[in-house]
Amino acid sequence: MADQENCVRVTRLAAKNRAAPESAPEQNKKRRVVLGEIQNIVSSQDVGLGKKVKRDAAKKKKEVKPKRDAKSSKSSAKETLDVKEDYGSGIDVVAECDDPQMCGAYVSDIYGYLQNMEMEVKRRPLADYLEKIQKDVTANMRGILIDWLVEVAEEFKLVPDSLYLTVSYIDKFLSTKAINRQKLQLLGVSSMLIAAKYEEISPPHVERFCYITDNTYSKEEVVKMEADVLKSLKFEMGNPTVKTFLRRFTRIAQEDYKDSSLQVEFLGYYLAELSLLDYECIKFLPSLVAASVIFLTRFTLQPNQHPWNSALQCRSRYKAMDLKECVRILHDLQLSKKGISLVAIREKYNQHKFKCVSTLSSPLEIPESFFEGVNID
């Protein structure tokens, strides 16, 4: 009898051990389904994360911090969700000062490192590559290409970083290899493909980039150009862009515009994207362009006040005089003195969700005294 009981126990134990490995994949499978759902939401909606995912995240955050006032937390979470749902994943919401995601303890070190990185020769395009390298491409052609890529990025709902990286890849490639104008659009879509793979959670497939060119190029041609661009970059794809620095400078600038912080943000994004169109802006470091964008944004919103202050000068490491040339170029773009035929960015930021900031206009002249650094608080 005892032998029979032992035999039953052994049999049950063996069955249990056999069942254990089979149940593990089922658990893993469930976890993968959750991740898959997030990716599907990202690719199928206008925002970076689906509404349900964000509400669940807000709910979990509230449960983790029960000591916080429930009413206050709910209100704060709702405001953040409203902004995200209205303006999409590419828009940065001003974070609280105690937000650990802002890395307040060492943010200066991070941006110091990024500013050193942006000055490395290997990460900079030639400021005069159209004159030295290219024989069949002009500044106007480059502007038309980027204007079109802005529409492509909107069509594919790419985050802004993908657009900025795309332009940086184009300029670096054109700084090393001459191409004919028939291949310029191919270079554009291949560069955006690389940028999307680098930045996006769910990047568009190669076939979609072929389709967006009306199948002017085959899949094989896009992939071949992609390989050529990567070789020219030496696989250094993570370069600081204007958007990288604009994030921090915008938050500093918003401190003086509590009632119109979103307007400051969107106007800055608008001017920064206009800078992508102008070949002359290539010679400036991304951080300098970002600082110039903030200068012109503040001047546009409050033209009678000095647009620069000690906080911006300290954080950006630029004096007002350093920004003069770049601000003048951006100002001409804003007033449509340059690039008047390139309308994609102007139409994009003429939407209500971007506060129609492209309709805002600044005075025709910027006082020279604003560049002299006087009367800065």
Protein backbone atom coordinates (compact mmCIF):
# COMPACT_ATOMS: atom_id res chain seq x y z
CA MET A 1 0.00 0.00 0.00
CA ALA A 2 2.84 2.36 0.93
CA ASP A 3 4.57 1.59 -2.38
CA GLN A 4 1.39 2.49 -4.24
CA GLU A 5 1.11 5.85 -2.40
CA ASN A 6 4.77 6.63 -3.16
CA CYS A 7 4.19 5.78 -6.78
CA VAL A 8 1.18 8.13 -6.92
CA ARG A 9 3.22 10.94 -5.32
CA VAL A 10 6.06 10.46 -7.82
CA THR A 11 3.61 10.40 -10.70
CA ARG A 12 1.93 13.61 -9.52
CA LEU A 13 5.29 15.33 -8.99
CA ALA A 14 6.44 14.33 -12.45
CA ALA A 15 3.21 15.62 -13.96
CA LYS A 16 3.63 18.89 -12.07
CA ASN A 17 7.22 19.27 -13.29
CA ARG A 18 6.13 18.61 -16.86
CA ALA A 19 3.38 21.19 -16.58
CA ALA A 20 5.70 23.92 -15.23
CA PRO A 21 7.69 24.52 -18.46
CA GLU A 22 4.48 24.51 -20.46
CA SER A 23 2.93 27.24 -18.32
CA ALA A 24 5.97 29.52 -18.50
CA PRO A 25 5.66 30.23 -22.22
CA GLU A 26 1.99 31.06 -21.62
CA GLN A 27 2.99 33.72 -19.08
CA ASN A 28 5.64 35.10 -21.43
CA LYS A 29 3.14 35.07 -24.22
CA LYS A 30 0.78 37.27 -22.21
CA ARG A 31 3.56 39.75 -21.50
CA ARG A 32 4.41 39.96 -25.19
CA VAL A 33 0.77 40.62 -26.02
CA VAL A 34 0.79 43.66 -23.73
CA LEU A 35 3.88 45.06 -25.46
CA GLY A 36 2.37 44.31 -28.83
CA GLU A 37 -0.78 46.22 -27.93
CA ILE A 38 1.26 49.29 -27.03
CA GLN A 39 3.00 49.18 -30.41
CA ASN A 40 -0.32 48.83 -32.21
CA ILE A 41 -1.70 51.84 -30.36
CA VAL A 42 1.37 53.88 -31.23
CA SER A 43 1.11 53.12 -34.92
CA SER A 44 -2.64 53.60 -35.20
CA GLN A 45 -3.27 56.84 -33.32
CA ASP A 46 -2.20 60.45 -33.64
CA VAL A 47 -0.52 60.48 -30.24
CA GLY A 48 2.61 58.71 -29.02
CA LEU A 49 0.67 56.55 -26.55
CA GLY A 50 -2.97 55.51 -26.60
CA LYS A 51 -5.45 57.13 -24.26
CA LYS A 52 -6.06 53.90 -22.37
CA VAL A 53 -2.35 53.25 -21.85
CA LYS A 54 -1.81 56.77 -20.51
CA ARG A 55 -4.79 56.58 -18.18
CA ASP A 56 -3.56 53.25 -16.84
CA ALA A 57 -0.12 54.77 -16.30
CA ALA A 58 -1.62 57.73 -14.47
CA LYS A 59 -3.67 55.37 -12.31
CA LYS A 60 -0.61 53.28 -11.39
CA LYS A 61 1.38 56.40 -10.58
CA LYS A 62 -1.40 57.47 -8.23
CA GLU A 63 -1.40 54.09 -6.53
CA VAL A 64 2.36 54.15 -6.02
CA LYS A 65 2.21 57.56 -4.31
CA PRO A 66 -0.82 57.33 -1.98
CA LYS A 67 0.44 60.17 0.23
CA ARG A 68 -0.19 62.77 -2.45
CA ASP A 69 -3.50 64.58 -2.44
CA ALA A 70 -5.82 62.47 -4.62
CA LYS A 71 -7.74 65.43 -6.01
CA SER A 72 -4.58 67.30 -6.92
CA SER A 73 -3.02 64.23 -8.56
CA LYS A 74 -6.14 63.56 -10.58
CA SER A 75 -6.29 67.15 -11.81
CA SER A 76 -2.60 67.19 -12.73
CA ALA A 77 -2.85 63.87 -14.58
CA LYS A 78 -5.92 65.12 -16.48
CA GLU A 79 -4.16 68.32 -17.59
CA THR A 80 -1.15 66.34 -18.83
CA LEU A 81 -3.37 63.88 -20.70
CA ASP A 82 -5.36 66.71 -22.28
CA VAL A 83 -2.21 68.37 -23.63
CA LYS A 84 -0.77 65.07 -24.86
CA GLU A 85 -4.01 64.06 -26.55
CA ASP A 86 -4.41 67.45 -28.24
CA TYR A 87 -0.84 67.95 -29.42
CA GLY A 88 0.71 64.51 -29.84
CA SER A 89 3.81 62.73 -28.63
CA GLY A 90 6.25 65.14 -30.26
CA ILE A 91 5.22 67.98 -27.94
CA ASP A 92 7.05 68.38 -24.66
CA VAL A 93 4.96 69.27 -21.64
CA VAL A 94 6.61 71.50 -19.07
CA ALA A 95 7.58 69.20 -16.24
CA GLU A 96 7.44 69.88 -12.54
CA CYS A 97 10.67 70.99 -10.93
CA ASP A 98 10.82 67.83 -8.83
CA ASP A 99 10.34 65.52 -11.80
CA PRO A 100 13.22 63.00 -11.71
CA GLN A 101 12.93 62.61 -15.48
CA MET A 102 14.36 66.11 -15.82
CA CYS A 103 17.64 64.97 -14.20
CA GLY A 104 17.88 68.29 -12.38
CA ALA A 105 20.92 67.21 -10.35
CA TYR A 106 23.13 66.79 -13.41
CA VAL A 107 21.28 68.40 -16.32
CA SER A 108 24.07 70.97 -16.69
CA ASP A 109 26.63 68.20 -17.12
CA ILE A 110 24.44 66.50 -19.73
CA TYR A 111 24.03 69.62 -21.84
CA GLY A 112 27.67 70.52 -21.41
CA TYR A 113 28.52 67.11 -22.85
CA LEU A 114 26.07 67.60 -25.72
CA GLN A 115 27.52 71.02 -26.56
CA ASN A 116 31.00 69.52 -26.68
CA MET A 117 29.68 66.71 -28.87
CA GLU A 118 28.04 69.03 -31.39
CA MET A 119 31.39 70.73 -32.03
CA GLU A 120 33.15 67.51 -33.06
CA VAL A 121 34.21 67.74 -36.69
CA LYS A 122 32.90 64.27 -37.52
CA ARG A 123 29.39 65.32 -36.49
CA ARG A 124 29.31 68.58 -38.47
CA PRO A 125 28.38 68.98 -42.15
CA LEU A 126 30.44 71.28 -44.33
CA ALA A 127 29.04 74.80 -44.18
CA ASP A 128 29.69 75.26 -47.92
CA TYR A 129 29.20 71.78 -49.34
CA LEU A 130 27.00 73.05 -52.18
CA GLU A 131 29.92 75.12 -53.45
CA LYS A 132 32.69 72.59 -52.76
CA ILE A 133 31.10 69.17 -53.28
CA GLN A 134 27.83 69.37 -55.18
CA LYS A 135 27.60 70.19 -58.89
CA ASP A 136 23.93 69.50 -59.63
CA VAL A 137 22.17 70.42 -56.35
CA THR A 138 21.26 73.93 -55.26
CA ALA A 139 20.12 75.52 -51.99
CA ASN A 140 16.63 75.92 -53.46
CA MET A 141 16.45 72.20 -54.28
CA ARG A 142 17.52 71.36 -50.75
CA GLY A 143 14.78 73.64 -49.37
CA ILE A 144 12.12 72.05 -51.59
CA LEU A 145 13.20 68.57 -50.46
CA ILE A 146 13.03 69.43 -46.76
CA ASP A 147 9.68 71.21 -47.21
CA TRP A 148 8.34 67.99 -48.72
CA LEU A 149 9.87 65.84 -45.98
CA VAL A 150 7.98 67.92 -43.40
CA GLU A 151 4.76 66.76 -45.10
CA VAL A 152 6.02 63.16 -45.16
CA ALA A 153 6.81 63.29 -41.44
CA GLU A 154 3.28 64.59 -40.81
CA GLU A 155 1.78 61.86 -42.99
CA PHE A 156 3.69 59.16 -41.11
CA LYS A 157 3.12 60.87 -37.73
CA LEU A 158 6.83 60.83 -36.89
CA VAL A 159 8.19 62.54 -33.79
CA PRO A 160 10.02 65.85 -34.43
CA ASP A 161 13.40 64.31 -33.59
CA SER A 162 13.09 62.07 -36.65
CA LEU A 163 12.70 65.11 -38.91
CA TYR A 164 15.70 66.91 -37.42
CA LEU A 165 17.90 63.82 -37.68
CA THR A 166 16.77 63.30 -41.27
CA VAL A 167 17.97 66.77 -42.25
CA SER A 168 21.27 66.28 -40.43
CA TYR A 169 21.85 62.99 -42.30
CA ILE A 170 21.08 64.67 -45.64
CA ASP A 171 23.53 67.51 -44.99
CA LYS A 172 26.28 65.18 -43.83
CA PHE A 173 25.87 62.91 -46.85
CA LEU A 174 25.90 65.87 -49.25
CA SER A 175 29.10 67.04 -47.53
CA THR A 176 30.91 63.88 -48.59
CA LYS A 177 29.48 62.70 -51.90
CA ALA A 178 28.18 64.46 -55.00
CA ILE A 179 24.83 63.28 -56.37
CA ASN A 180 22.60 64.37 -59.23
CA ARG A 181 19.26 66.03 -58.63
CA GLN A 182 17.32 62.93 -59.69
CA LYS A 183 18.68 61.13 -56.60
CA LEU A 184 17.96 63.93 -54.12
CA GLN A 185 14.48 62.71 -53.22
CA LEU A 186 15.85 59.18 -52.84
CA LEU A 187 18.43 60.53 -50.39
CA GLY A 188 15.64 62.25 -48.48
CA VAL A 189 13.42 59.21 -47.98
CA SER A 190 16.37 56.93 -47.21
CA SER A 191 17.62 59.37 -44.57
CA MET A 192 14.15 59.58 -43.04
CA LEU A 193 13.96 55.78 -43.00
CA ILE A 194 17.18 55.65 -40.96
CA ALA A 195 16.01 58.41 -38.61
CA ALA A 196 12.67 56.67 -38.09
CA LYS A 197 14.41 53.39 -37.25
CA TYR A 198 16.55 55.26 -34.75
CA GLU A 199 13.80 57.33 -33.08
CA GLU A 200 10.41 55.71 -33.62
CA ILE A 201 8.81 52.87 -31.68
CA SER A 202 7.10 51.64 -34.82
CA PRO A 203 8.89 53.05 -37.88
CA PRO A 204 7.23 52.96 -41.33
CA HIS A 205 8.20 50.10 -43.62
CA VAL A 206 10.40 50.62 -46.67
CA GLU A 207 7.43 50.05 -48.96
CA ARG A 208 5.64 53.09 -47.50
CA PHE A 209 8.62 55.29 -48.34
CA CYS A 210 8.54 53.95 -51.88
CA TYR A 211 4.81 54.63 -52.12
CA ILE A 212 5.16 58.20 -50.81
CA THR A 213 7.46 58.92 -53.78
CA ASP A 214 4.75 57.59 -56.12
CA ASN A 215 6.99 54.54 -56.58
CA THR A 216 9.61 56.63 -58.32
CA TYR A 217 12.19 54.47 -56.55
CA SER A 218 12.15 50.73 -55.91
CA LYS A 219 12.62 49.08 -52.54
CA GLU A 220 16.07 47.95 -53.62
CA GLU A 221 17.10 51.52 -54.49
CA VAL A 222 15.93 52.85 -51.13
CA VAL A 223 17.77 50.12 -49.23
CA LYS A 224 20.91 50.69 -51.30
CA MET A 225 20.84 54.44 -50.57
CA GLU A 226 20.17 53.67 -46.91
CA ALA A 227 23.39 51.66 -46.80
CA ASP A 228 25.31 54.47 -48.53
CA VAL A 229 24.05 57.04 -46.02
CA LEU A 230 24.96 54.83 -43.07
CA LYS A 231 28.47 54.41 -44.45
CA SER A 232 28.86 58.15 -44.90
CA LEU A 233 27.73 58.63 -41.29
CA LYS A 234 30.10 55.88 -40.18
CA PHE A 235 27.07 54.63 -38.23
CA GLU A 236 27.20 57.71 -35.95
CA MET A 237 23.45 58.32 -35.93
CA GLY A 238 22.82 59.91 -32.53
CA ASN A 239 23.87 63.50 -33.07
CA PRO A 240 22.56 66.47 -31.07
CA THR A 241 20.10 68.56 -33.09
CA VAL A 242 18.36 71.91 -32.63
CA LYS A 243 15.46 70.04 -31.01
CA THR A 244 17.83 68.52 -28.45
CA PHE A 245 18.75 71.94 -27.04
CA LEU A 246 15.39 73.57 -27.67
CA ARG A 247 13.78 71.34 -25.06
CA ARG A 248 15.80 72.84 -22.24
CA PHE A 249 15.90 76.43 -23.49
CA THR A 250 12.11 76.42 -23.95
CA ARG A 251 11.49 75.43 -20.34
CA ILE A 252 13.68 78.27 -19.14
CA ALA A 253 11.94 80.77 -21.44
CA GLN A 254 8.50 79.62 -20.30
CA GLU A 255 9.15 80.76 -16.75
CA ASP A 256 8.28 84.32 -17.84
CA TYR A 257 5.17 83.23 -19.77
CA LYS A 258 3.09 81.18 -17.35
CA ASP A 259 -0.18 82.12 -19.06
CA SER A 260 1.05 81.38 -22.57
CA SER A 261 3.61 78.63 -22.08
CA LEU A 262 2.21 76.49 -24.91
CA GLN A 263 2.36 79.44 -27.27
CA VAL A 264 6.05 79.90 -26.41
CA GLU A 265 6.62 76.20 -27.02
CA PHE A 266 4.84 75.98 -30.36
CA LEU A 267 6.27 79.23 -31.69
CA GLY A 268 9.74 77.94 -30.83
CA TYR A 269 9.06 74.69 -32.66
CA TYR A 270 7.78 76.61 -35.68
CA LEU A 271 10.84 78.84 -35.94
CA ALA A 272 13.17 75.91 -35.36
CA GLU A 273 11.64 73.96 -38.24
CA LEU A 274 11.89 77.03 -40.47
CA SER A 275 15.63 77.01 -39.77
CA LEU A 276 15.84 73.56 -41.39
CA LEU A 277 14.85 75.08 -44.72
CA ASP A 278 17.68 77.59 -44.93
CA TYR A 279 21.06 76.45 -46.19
CA GLU A 280 22.74 79.36 -44.38
CA CYS A 281 21.79 77.91 -40.99
CA ILE A 282 24.04 74.89 -41.53
CA LYS A 283 27.08 76.88 -40.45
CA PHE A 284 25.62 77.45 -36.98
CA LEU A 285 25.85 74.95 -34.14
CA PRO A 286 22.48 73.40 -33.22
CA SER A 287 22.64 74.93 -29.73
CA LEU A 288 23.17 78.41 -31.20
CA VAL A 289 20.17 77.98 -33.53
CA ALA A 290 18.06 76.82 -30.58
CA ALA A 291 19.11 79.85 -28.54
CA SER A 292 18.34 82.15 -31.49
CA VAL A 293 14.92 80.57 -31.81
CA ILE A 294 14.16 81.38 -28.16
CA PHE A 295 15.45 84.95 -28.64
CA LEU A 296 13.11 85.52 -31.61
CA THR A 297 10.20 83.76 -29.90
CA ARG A 298 10.39 86.08 -26.90
CA PHE A 299 10.82 89.12 -29.16
CA THR A 300 7.73 88.11 -31.14
CA LEU A 301 5.55 87.73 -28.06
CA GLN A 302 6.87 90.80 -26.22
CA PRO A 303 8.64 93.08 -28.73
CA ASN A 304 9.09 95.92 -26.23
CA GLN A 305 11.04 93.86 -23.71
CA HIS A 306 14.61 92.61 -23.94
CA PRO A 307 14.31 89.03 -25.23
CA TRP A 308 17.45 87.77 -23.49
CA ASN A 309 18.20 87.45 -19.77
CA SER A 310 20.85 86.13 -17.42
CA ALA A 311 19.16 82.73 -16.98
CA LEU A 312 19.08 82.06 -20.73
CA GLN A 313 22.62 83.34 -21.16
CA CYS A 314 23.86 81.11 -18.36
CA ARG A 315 22.06 77.96 -19.54
CA SER A 316 22.72 78.40 -23.26
CA ARG A 317 26.26 79.78 -22.83
CA TYR A 318 25.53 82.41 -25.50
CA LYS A 319 25.41 86.17 -25.19
CA ALA A 320 22.83 88.10 -27.18
CA MET A 321 25.53 89.37 -29.54
CA ASP A 322 26.50 85.77 -30.41
CA LEU A 323 23.00 85.18 -31.77
CA LYS A 324 22.72 88.24 -33.98
CA GLU A 325 23.41 86.74 -37.40
CA CYS A 326 21.30 83.64 -36.85
CA VAL A 327 18.40 85.65 -35.40
CA ARG A 328 18.44 87.90 -38.49
CA ILE A 329 18.13 84.86 -40.77
CA LEU A 330 15.30 83.37 -38.71
CA HIS A 331 13.56 86.73 -38.65
CA ASP A 332 13.64 86.91 -42.46
CA LEU A 333 12.18 83.40 -42.62
CA GLN A 334 9.44 84.35 -40.17
CA LEU A 335 8.55 87.46 -42.21
CA SER A 336 8.60 85.37 -45.43
CA LYS A 337 11.45 87.41 -46.87
CA LYS A 338 13.10 84.05 -47.55
CA GLY A 339 11.59 80.69 -48.51
CA ILE A 340 8.22 82.21 -49.34
CA SER A 341 7.38 79.35 -51.75
CA LEU A 342 7.99 76.70 -49.06
CA VAL A 343 4.66 76.47 -47.27
CA ALA A 344 4.50 73.07 -45.55
CA ILE A 345 5.81 74.28 -42.18
CA ARG A 346 3.68 77.44 -42.27
CA GLU A 347 0.55 75.41 -42.99
CA LYS A 348 1.46 72.84 -40.35
CA TYR A 349 1.71 75.46 -37.61
CA ASN A 350 -1.38 77.29 -38.80
CA GLN A 351 -3.48 74.57 -37.18
CA HIS A 352 -5.48 75.20 -34.02
CA LYS A 353 -3.64 72.43 -32.16
CA PHE A 354 -0.45 74.47 -32.59
CA LYS A 355 -2.17 77.70 -31.53
CA CYS A 356 -1.85 78.99 -35.14
CA VAL A 357 1.61 80.35 -34.26
CA SER A 358 2.65 80.70 -37.90
CA THR A 359 0.21 83.63 -38.16
CA LEU A 360 2.06 85.53 -35.43
CA SER A 361 4.33 88.26 -36.72
CA SER A 362 7.09 90.27 -35.12
CA PRO A 363 8.12 93.89 -35.88
CA LEU A 364 10.04 94.38 -39.12
CA GLU A 365 13.17 95.49 -37.29
CA ILE A 366 14.87 94.13 -34.18
CA PRO A 367 16.42 96.96 -32.12
CA GLU A 368 20.20 96.86 -32.20
CA SER A 369 20.27 97.44 -28.44
CA PHE A 370 18.75 93.98 -27.90
CA PHE A 371 22.00 92.45 -29.16
CA GLU A 372 24.23 94.56 -26.96
CA GLY A 373 23.46 92.66 -23.78
CA VAL A 374 22.48 95.77 -21.82
CA ASN A 375 19.60 95.98 -19.36
CA ILE A 376 19.60 92.25 -18.79
CA ASP A 377 18.06 91.33 -15.48
